[in-house]
């Protein structure tokens, strides 16, 4: 594994639903083993809600959604709620992400506003550097 990244439900959902997007390329890299995903359990629960709501439009059964969520749980590093960061590496340093994640990849504006404290980047920034 060359990279371990933390992300959110929206990035994963977009990546699964739209494989031609940057998020889709990131999810494809994860599915092919080129990177690992770190997700909070709440993000996985959010994904379940998203895909249960979209199941009819996607032509999926409840069992297919259950299988997708189970596969995501098995193939990601799952964190308890509120595990977004660890103490800084140095007293004035940036906070580290849990489980060795190098970046938090998201389009969440509240998280992106904290780039001075956390290693947060957009999917486009991540892909342009590491893709």
Protein backbone atom coordinates (compact mmCIF):
# COMPACT_ATOMS: atom_id res chain seq x y z
CA UNK A 1 0.00 0.00 0.00
CA UNK A 2 1.48 3.29 -1.00
CA UNK A 3 -1.10 5.57 0.66
CA UNK A 4 -3.59 5.43 3.46
CA UNK A 5 -6.14 8.24 3.37
CA UNK A 6 -9.04 9.26 5.53
CA UNK A 7 -12.19 10.33 3.71
CA UNK A 8 -15.90 10.85 4.16
CA UNK A 9 -19.16 9.30 3.00
CA UNK A 10 -19.73 11.88 0.28
CA UNK A 11 -16.38 11.22 -1.40
CA UNK A 12 -16.92 7.45 -1.32
CA UNK A 13 -20.53 7.71 -2.55
CA UNK A 14 -19.58 9.98 -5.46
CA UNK A 15 -16.67 7.70 -6.30
CA UNK A 16 -18.87 4.60 -6.37
CA UNK A 17 -21.71 6.25 -8.28
CA UNK A 18 -19.58 8.17 -10.79
CA UNK A 19 -16.42 6.23 -11.69
CA UNK A 20 -15.33 8.85 -14.25
CA UNK A 21 -14.85 11.55 -11.60
CA UNK A 22 -11.71 12.19 -9.56
CA UNK A 23 -13.48 10.58 -6.61
CA UNK A 24 -14.20 7.60 -8.86
CA UNK A 25 -10.51 7.26 -9.72
CA UNK A 26 -9.63 7.38 -6.01
CA UNK A 27 -12.21 4.68 -5.24
CA UNK A 28 -10.92 2.63 -8.18
CA UNK A 29 -7.38 2.87 -6.78
CA UNK A 30 -8.73 1.69 -3.41
CA UNK A 31 -10.61 -1.20 -5.03
CA UNK A 32 -7.42 -2.25 -6.86
CA UNK A 33 -5.34 -2.11 -3.66
CA UNK A 34 -3.28 0.97 -4.52
CA UNK A 35 -4.44 2.79 -1.41
CA UNK A 36 -6.24 2.15 1.85
CA UNK A 37 -9.23 4.06 3.16
CA UNK A 38 -9.79 5.07 6.76
CA UNK A 39 -13.44 5.80 7.57
CA UNK A 40 -15.23 6.66 10.77
CA UNK A 41 -18.09 4.27 11.51
CA UNK A 42 -20.46 7.22 11.13
CA UNK A 43 -19.28 7.64 7.52
CA UNK A 44 -20.12 4.00 6.83
CA UNK A 45 -23.55 4.48 8.42
CA UNK A 46 -24.03 7.59 6.22
CA UNK A 47 -23.12 5.51 3.16
CA UNK A 48 -25.71 2.92 4.12
CA UNK A 49 -28.39 5.63 4.35
CA UNK A 50 -27.33 7.13 1.02
CA UNK A 51 -27.44 3.82 -0.83
CA UNK A 52 -30.68 2.62 0.80
CA UNK A 53 -32.31 5.84 -0.45
CA UNK A 54 -30.82 5.40 -3.94
CA UNK A 55 -31.40 1.64 -4.20
CA UNK A 56 -34.55 1.98 -6.29
CA UNK A 57 -32.92 4.38 -8.76
CA UNK A 58 -29.85 2.19 -9.00
CA UNK A 59 -31.90 -0.97 -9.42
CA UNK A 60 -30.34 -2.51 -6.31
CA UNK A 61 -32.03 -4.72 -3.76
CA UNK A 62 -31.65 -4.25 -0.02
CA UNK A 63 -29.38 -7.31 -0.03
CA UNK A 64 -27.09 -5.71 -2.61
CA UNK A 65 -26.82 -2.56 -0.49
CA UNK A 66 -26.11 -4.71 2.57
CA UNK A 67 -23.36 -6.52 0.63
CA UNK A 68 -21.81 -3.21 -0.47
CA UNK A 69 -21.76 -1.86 3.08
CA UNK A 70 -20.32 -5.14 4.40
CA UNK A 71 -17.58 -5.03 1.74
CA UNK A 72 -16.75 -1.43 2.66
CA UNK A 73 -16.50 -2.37 6.36
CA UNK A 74 -14.22 -5.30 5.57
CA UNK A 75 -11.94 -3.37 3.23
CA UNK A 76 -11.41 -0.16 5.19
CA UNK A 77 -9.85 0.79 8.48
CA UNK A 78 -12.93 1.58 10.61
CA UNK A 79 -12.68 4.15 13.39
CA UNK A 80 -15.04 4.94 16.23
CA UNK A 81 -16.91 8.26 16.03
CA UNK A 82 -14.85 11.37 16.75
CA UNK A 83 -11.49 9.76 15.90
CA UNK A 84 -10.54 12.37 13.35
CA UNK A 85 -7.11 13.28 14.74
CA UNK A 86 -4.30 12.38 17.10
CA UNK A 87 -2.14 14.77 19.13
CA UNK A 88 0.35 16.87 17.14
CA UNK A 89 3.72 15.34 16.29
CA UNK A 90 5.38 18.34 17.96
CA UNK A 91 3.93 20.87 20.40
CA UNK A 92 3.34 23.37 17.56
CA UNK A 93 2.98 20.87 14.75
CA UNK A 94 0.03 19.83 12.67
CA UNK A 95 -2.24 17.20 14.10
CA UNK A 96 -1.84 13.70 12.73
CA UNK A 97 -4.65 11.61 11.36
CA UNK A 98 -5.39 8.23 12.96
CA UNK A 99 -4.04 4.88 11.79
CA UNK A 100 -1.23 6.35 9.73
CA UNK A 101 -3.47 8.16 7.26
CA UNK A 102 -1.44 10.74 5.36
CA UNK A 103 -4.33 12.98 4.30
CA UNK A 104 -7.99 13.62 4.87
CA UNK A 105 -9.43 13.74 1.35
CA UNK A 106 -12.73 15.61 1.30
CA UNK A 107 -14.72 18.43 -0.20
CA UNK A 108 -16.24 19.31 3.18
CA UNK A 109 -15.69 23.06 3.50
CA UNK A 110 -15.51 22.99 7.30
CA UNK A 111 -12.65 20.46 7.18
CA UNK A 112 -10.90 22.22 4.29
CA UNK A 113 -10.89 25.41 6.36
CA UNK A 114 -8.63 23.65 8.90
CA UNK A 115 -5.69 22.94 6.58
CA UNK A 116 -3.35 24.77 8.98
CA UNK A 117 -4.12 22.21 11.68
CA UNK A 118 -4.87 19.05 9.72
CA UNK A 119 -3.49 17.51 6.51
CA UNK A 120 -6.74 18.06 4.59
CA UNK A 121 -6.92 18.25 0.78
CA UNK A 122 -9.57 18.01 -1.91
CA UNK A 123 -9.90 14.88 -4.06
CA UNK A 124 -8.54 16.88 -7.03
CA UNK A 125 -5.45 17.98 -5.07
CA UNK A 126 -4.83 14.43 -3.86
CA UNK A 127 -5.19 12.96 -7.34
CA UNK A 128 -2.98 15.57 -9.00
CA UNK A 129 -0.14 14.75 -6.60
CA UNK A 130 -0.60 11.02 -5.95
CA UNK A 131 -2.80 9.70 -8.76
